[in-house]
Amino acid sequence: MARSGSGQGWKQIAAIAAAVAVLVAGIYAFMEWQRNQPGTPVRELKVGVTSAGQTREIEPYTVCELDAECAGGEPPRMALDERTVTFEVPEDVTAAGWRLLLIYDDPAANSERVFTSNESSSQEAEAVTESGARLVVGEVSALEIDKDDAGEETPVIATWSIGFE
C-alpha cells in the first residue's frame, strides 16, 4: 500500500508540472501575440485640442516619409481661448516621443517642446503670452512607422496641426 501512495504522489507531481508547462506556454503565446499585434495606423490617430470650451479631435495634417516634402494645405481651425489651449496626444504617439510647436503672431514668442517616450500625453499652452502675442498655430509631430503602398514599413514624420482664430 505504501507503494501505491508513492505512485500517486508522482502522478500528482507530473500533473502539476504539466499544468505549469501549459500555463507558461499560454503566457508566452499571449505575449508573442500582443508583441506582434499591429497598432493603430498613424493615419488613423487623432490628437485632441481643447480651446474656448470646445474640444476637437484632429487627424494628421501630413504624414511624410523622412526627407520628403509634403504639402498639407490649410489646417483645421478653431476659436482661441484667452487663457490656455490643451493638447491631448494618444498613447501610440507618446510611446515613442513627440514634439509640440507653438507659433504665435509675434515670432519672438514661438516655442517648441520636445518629449521623450511616455514623458507626457497632455500639454497646456498659453493662448496669449504676457507680451500679448496670440497663438496662431499649434502642431504636434512625431516620428512614426507607416506602411507604404507595397505594405512595407517605412519611417514617417506625422504632423497634427490646428489653426486658431
C-alpha atoms as a PDB file:
ATOM      1  CA  MET A   1       0.000   0.000   0.000  1.00  0.00           C
ATOM      2  CA  ALA A   2       2.821   2.380   0.691  1.00  0.00           C
ATOM      3  CA  ARG A   3       3.945   1.767  -2.831  1.00  0.00           C
ATOM      4  CA  SER A   4       0.657   2.815  -4.449  1.00  0.00           C
ATOM      5  CA  GLY A   5       0.638   6.032  -2.368  1.00  0.00           C
ATOM      6  CA  SER A   6       4.135   6.788  -3.631  1.00  0.00           C
ATOM      7  CA  GLY A   7       2.992   6.221  -7.226  1.00  0.00           C
ATOM      8  CA  GLN A   8       0.038   8.516  -6.627  1.00  0.00           C
ATOM      9  CA  GLY A   9       2.423  11.287  -5.441  1.00  0.00           C
ATOM     10  CA  TRP A  10       4.447  11.052  -8.649  1.00  0.00           C
ATOM     11  CA  LYS A  11       1.270  11.296 -10.693  1.00  0.00           C
ATOM     12  CA  GLN A  12       0.271  14.458  -8.834  1.00  0.00           C
ATOM     13  CA  ILE A  13       3.726  15.971  -9.348  1.00  0.00           C
ATOM     14  CA  ALA A  14       3.604  15.106 -13.058  1.00  0.00           C
ATOM     15  CA  ALA A  15       0.111  16.625 -13.360  1.00  0.00           C
ATOM     16  CA  ILE A  16       1.251  19.822 -11.627  1.00  0.00           C
ATOM     17  CA  ALA A  17       4.361  20.030 -13.852  1.00  0.00           C
ATOM     18  CA  ALA A  18       2.194  19.586 -16.956  1.00  0.00           C
ATOM     19  CA  ALA A  19      -0.223  22.304 -15.756  1.00  0.00           C
ATOM     20  CA  VAL A  20       2.675  24.705 -15.128  1.00  0.00           C
ATOM     21  CA  ALA A  21       4.115  23.966 -18.599  1.00  0.00           C
ATOM     22  CA  VAL A  22       0.732  24.662 -20.226  1.00  0.00           C
ATOM     23  CA  LEU A  23       0.383  27.900 -18.222  1.00  0.00           C
ATOM     24  CA  VAL A  24       3.889  29.090 -19.189  1.00  0.00           C
ATOM     25  CA  ALA A  25       3.262  28.225 -22.854  1.00  0.00           C
ATOM     26  CA  GLY A  26      -0.042  30.122 -22.751  1.00  0.00           C
ATOM     27  CA  ILE A  27       1.567  33.214 -21.237  1.00  0.00           C
ATOM     28  CA  TYR A  28       4.369  33.093 -23.822  1.00  0.00           C
ATOM     29  CA  ALA A  29       1.869  32.723 -26.688  1.00  0.00           C
ATOM     30  CA  PHE A  30      -0.185  35.680 -25.391  1.00  0.00           C
ATOM     31  CA  MET A  31       2.917  37.876 -25.065  1.00  0.00           C
ATOM     32  CA  GLU A  32       4.011  36.998 -28.614  1.00  0.00           C
ATOM     33  CA  TRP A  33       0.533  37.753 -29.945  1.00  0.00           C
ATOM     34  CA  GLN A  34       0.496  41.095 -28.120  1.00  0.00           C
ATOM     35  CA  ARG A  35       4.010  41.988 -29.349  1.00  0.00           C
ATOM     36  CA  ASN A  36       3.127  41.214 -32.970  1.00  0.00           C
ATOM     37  CA  GLN A  37      -0.328  42.785 -32.898  1.00  0.00           C
ATOM     38  CA  PRO A  38      -0.382  45.797 -35.221  1.00  0.00           C
ATOM     39  CA  GLY A  39      -1.014  49.153 -33.544  1.00  0.00           C
ATOM     40  CA  THR A  40      -3.402  51.750 -34.868  1.00  0.00           C
ATOM     41  CA  PRO A  41      -2.148  53.046 -38.227  1.00  0.00           C
ATOM     42  CA  VAL A  42      -0.667  56.529 -37.820  1.00  0.00           C
ATOM     43  CA  ARG A  43      -3.117  57.981 -40.351  1.00  0.00           C
ATOM     44  CA  GLU A  44      -5.996  56.984 -38.021  1.00  0.00           C
ATOM     45  CA  LEU A  45      -4.553  58.517 -34.836  1.00  0.00           C
ATOM     46  CA  LYS A  46      -6.142  61.731 -33.596  1.00  0.00           C
ATOM     47  CA  VAL A  47      -4.865  64.472 -31.304  1.00  0.00           C
ATOM     48  CA  GLY A  48      -7.364  66.217 -29.033  1.00  0.00           C
ATOM     49  CA  VAL A  49      -7.258  70.015 -28.801  1.00  0.00           C
ATOM     50  CA  THR A  50      -9.314  71.961 -26.257  1.00  0.00           C
ATOM     51  CA  SER A  51      -9.797  75.727 -26.502  1.00  0.00           C
ATOM     52  CA  ALA A  52     -12.614  78.125 -25.643  1.00  0.00           C
ATOM     53  CA  GLY A  53     -14.705  75.339 -24.117  1.00  0.00           C
ATOM     54  CA  GLN A  54     -14.583  73.276 -27.300  1.00  0.00           C
ATOM     55  CA  THR A  55     -12.673  70.011 -27.820  1.00  0.00           C
ATOM     56  CA  ARG A  56     -11.761  68.894 -31.294  1.00  0.00           C
ATOM     57  CA  GLU A  57     -10.171  65.651 -32.465  1.00  0.00           C
ATOM     58  CA  ILE A  58      -7.791  66.394 -35.325  1.00  0.00           C
ATOM     59  CA  GLU A  59      -6.458  63.906 -37.856  1.00  0.00           C
ATOM     60  CA  PRO A  60      -2.894  64.062 -39.166  1.00  0.00           C
ATOM     61  CA  TYR A  61      -2.290  67.157 -41.239  1.00  0.00           C
ATOM     62  CA  THR A  62       0.599  65.428 -43.029  1.00  0.00           C
ATOM     63  CA  VAL A  63       2.261  62.011 -42.963  1.00  0.00           C
ATOM     64  CA  CYS A  64       5.523  62.233 -44.919  1.00  0.00           C
ATOM     65  CA  GLU A  65       8.404  59.858 -45.465  1.00  0.00           C
ATOM     66  CA  LEU A  66      11.660  61.103 -43.996  1.00  0.00           C
ATOM     67  CA  ASP A  67      13.409  63.690 -46.175  1.00  0.00           C
ATOM     68  CA  ALA A  68      10.314  64.082 -48.388  1.00  0.00           C
ATOM     69  CA  GLU A  69       8.479  67.351 -48.902  1.00  0.00           C
ATOM     70  CA  CYS A  70       4.813  67.182 -48.068  1.00  0.00           C
ATOM     71  CA  ALA A  71       2.143  69.742 -48.893  1.00  0.00           C
ATOM     72  CA  GLY A  72      -0.522  69.872 -46.240  1.00  0.00           C
ATOM     73  CA  GLY A  73      -2.888  72.601 -47.358  1.00  0.00           C
ATOM     74  CA  GLU A  74      -4.837  74.590 -44.810  1.00  0.00           C
ATOM     75  CA  PRO A  75      -5.078  73.108 -41.276  1.00  0.00           C
ATOM     76  CA  PRO A  76      -8.430  72.938 -39.467  1.00  0.00           C
ATOM     77  CA  ARG A  77      -9.277  75.978 -37.337  1.00  0.00           C
ATOM     78  CA  MET A  78     -10.967  76.616 -34.018  1.00  0.00           C
ATOM     79  CA  ALA A  79     -11.677  79.512 -31.629  1.00  0.00           C
ATOM     80  CA  LEU A  80      -8.840  80.602 -29.328  1.00  0.00           C
ATOM     81  CA  ASP A  81      -9.397  80.678 -25.580  1.00  0.00           C
ATOM     82  CA  GLU A  82      -7.938  83.740 -23.849  1.00  0.00           C
ATOM     83  CA  ARG A  83      -6.046  81.635 -21.279  1.00  0.00           C
ATOM     84  CA  THR A  84      -4.870  78.185 -22.377  1.00  0.00           C
ATOM     85  CA  VAL A  85      -5.075  75.588 -25.100  1.00  0.00           C
ATOM     86  CA  THR A  86      -4.703  71.916 -24.175  1.00  0.00           C
ATOM     87  CA  PHE A  87      -3.232  69.251 -26.442  1.00  0.00           C
ATOM     88  CA  GLU A  88      -4.042  65.570 -25.682  1.00  0.00           C
ATOM     89  CA  VAL A  89      -1.754  63.132 -27.509  1.00  0.00           C
ATOM     90  CA  PRO A  90      -2.659  59.435 -27.941  1.00  0.00           C
ATOM     91  CA  GLU A  91      -0.576  56.731 -26.268  1.00  0.00           C
ATOM     92  CA  ASP A  92       0.503  55.322 -29.647  1.00  0.00           C
ATOM     93  CA  VAL A  93       2.292  58.653 -30.271  1.00  0.00           C
ATOM     94  CA  THR A  94       3.607  59.352 -26.761  1.00  0.00           C
ATOM     95  CA  ALA A  95       5.193  55.890 -26.556  1.00  0.00           C
ATOM     96  CA  ALA A  96       7.942  56.950 -28.971  1.00  0.00           C
ATOM     97  CA  GLY A  97       8.221  60.645 -28.065  1.00  0.00           C
ATOM     98  CA  TRP A  98       6.783  63.737 -29.727  1.00  0.00           C
ATOM     99  CA  ARG A  99       7.176  67.484 -30.264  1.00  0.00           C
ATOM    100  CA  LEU A 100       4.810  70.419 -29.708  1.00  0.00           C
ATOM    101  CA  LEU A 101       5.443  73.530 -31.827  1.00  0.00           C
ATOM    102  CA  LEU A 102       3.608  76.723 -30.841  1.00  0.00           C
ATOM    103  CA  ILE A 103       3.517  79.543 -33.398  1.00  0.00           C
ATOM    104  CA  TYR A 104       2.387  82.983 -32.228  1.00  0.00           C
ATOM    105  CA  ASP A 105       1.630  86.175 -34.147  1.00  0.00           C
ATOM    106  CA  ASP A 106       4.923  87.508 -32.713  1.00  0.00           C
ATOM    107  CA  PRO A 107       7.810  85.227 -33.835  1.00  0.00           C
ATOM    108  CA  ALA A 108       9.740  86.070 -30.643  1.00  0.00           C
ATOM    109  CA  ALA A 109       7.078  84.178 -28.651  1.00  0.00           C
ATOM    110  CA  ASN A 110       7.259  80.958 -30.733  1.00  0.00           C
ATOM    111  CA  SER A 111       8.306  77.887 -28.783  1.00  0.00           C
ATOM    112  CA  GLU A 112       8.989  74.202 -29.173  1.00  0.00           C
ATOM    113  CA  ARG A 113       8.676  71.477 -26.543  1.00  0.00           C
ATOM    114  CA  VAL A 114      10.150  68.014 -27.041  1.00  0.00           C
ATOM    115  CA  PHE A 115       9.012  64.991 -25.021  1.00  0.00           C
ATOM    116  CA  THR A 116      10.736  61.647 -24.670  1.00  0.00           C
ATOM    117  CA  SER A 117       8.980  58.286 -24.627  1.00  0.00           C
ATOM    118  CA  ASN A 118       5.942  58.342 -22.297  1.00  0.00           C
ATOM    119  CA  GLU A 119       7.079  61.606 -20.683  1.00  0.00           C
ATOM    120  CA  SER A 120       3.784  63.427 -21.291  1.00  0.00           C
ATOM    121  CA  SER A 121       0.471  62.854 -23.028  1.00  0.00           C
ATOM    122  CA  SER A 122      -1.081  66.246 -22.316  1.00  0.00           C
ATOM    123  CA  GLN A 123       0.254  69.776 -22.554  1.00  0.00           C
ATOM    124  CA  GLU A 124      -1.208  73.210 -21.907  1.00  0.00           C
ATOM    125  CA  ALA A 125      -0.037  76.224 -23.884  1.00  0.00           C
ATOM    126  CA  GLU A 126      -0.602  79.909 -23.285  1.00  0.00           C
ATOM    127  CA  ALA A 127      -3.210  81.230 -25.679  1.00  0.00           C
ATOM    128  CA  VAL A 128      -1.954  84.770 -25.158  1.00  0.00           C
ATOM    129  CA  THR A 129       1.526  85.382 -23.742  1.00  0.00           C
ATOM    130  CA  GLU A 130       2.443  88.082 -21.205  1.00  0.00           C
ATOM    131  CA  SER A 131       3.753  90.170 -24.116  1.00  0.00           C
ATOM    132  CA  GLY A 132       0.331  89.963 -25.802  1.00  0.00           C
ATOM    133  CA  ALA A 133       1.320  87.502 -28.566  1.00  0.00           C
ATOM    134  CA  ARG A 134      -1.627  85.331 -29.631  1.00  0.00           C
ATOM    135  CA  LEU A 135      -1.325  81.670 -30.536  1.00  0.00           C
ATOM    136  CA  VAL A 136      -1.894  81.222 -34.261  1.00  0.00           C
ATOM    137  CA  VAL A 137      -0.963  77.544 -34.895  1.00  0.00           C
ATOM    138  CA  GLY A 138      -0.229  74.533 -32.710  1.00  0.00           C
ATOM    139  CA  GLU A 139       1.476  71.455 -34.155  1.00  0.00           C
ATOM    140  CA  VAL A 140       2.155  68.031 -32.700  1.00  0.00           C
ATOM    141  CA  SER A 141       4.649  65.924 -34.633  1.00  0.00           C
ATOM    142  CA  ALA A 142       6.292  62.555 -34.144  1.00  0.00           C
ATOM    143  CA  LEU A 143       8.496  60.025 -35.878  1.00  0.00           C
ATOM    144  CA  GLU A 144       6.236  57.049 -36.605  1.00  0.00           C
ATOM    145  CA  ILE A 145       6.177  53.859 -38.668  1.00  0.00           C
ATOM    146  CA  ASP A 146       3.703  53.648 -41.547  1.00  0.00           C
ATOM    147  CA  LYS A 147       3.159  51.166 -44.359  1.00  0.00           C
ATOM    148  CA  ASP A 148       3.755  52.194 -47.950  1.00  0.00           C
ATOM    149  CA  ASP A 149       1.643  51.098 -50.928  1.00  0.00           C
ATOM    150  CA  ALA A 150       3.558  47.796 -51.101  1.00  0.00           C
ATOM    151  CA  GLY A 151       2.839  47.054 -47.423  1.00  0.00           C
ATOM    152  CA  GLU A 152       6.456  47.691 -46.365  1.00  0.00           C
ATOM    153  CA  GLU A 153       7.042  49.518 -43.090  1.00  0.00           C
ATOM    154  CA  THR A 154       8.667  52.898 -43.544  1.00  0.00           C
ATOM    155  CA  PRO A 155       9.570  55.717 -41.122  1.00  0.00           C
ATOM    156  CA  VAL A 156       7.465  58.858 -41.467  1.00  0.00           C
ATOM    157  CA  ILE A 157       7.018  62.205 -39.778  1.00  0.00           C
ATOM    158  CA  ALA A 158       3.378  62.627 -38.793  1.00  0.00           C
ATOM    159  CA  THR A 159       2.103  66.131 -38.012  1.00  0.00           C
ATOM    160  CA  TRP A 160      -1.219  67.160 -36.488  1.00  0.00           C
ATOM    161  CA  SER A 161      -1.838  70.888 -36.976  1.00  0.00           C
ATOM    162  CA  ILE A 162      -4.560  73.282 -35.816  1.00  0.00           C
ATOM    163  CA  GLY A 163      -5.045  76.983 -36.523  1.00  0.00           C
ATOM    164  CA  PHE A 164      -6.692  79.419 -34.111  1.00  0.00           C
ATOM    165  CA  GLU A 165      -8.987  82.375 -34.782  1.00  0.00           C
END
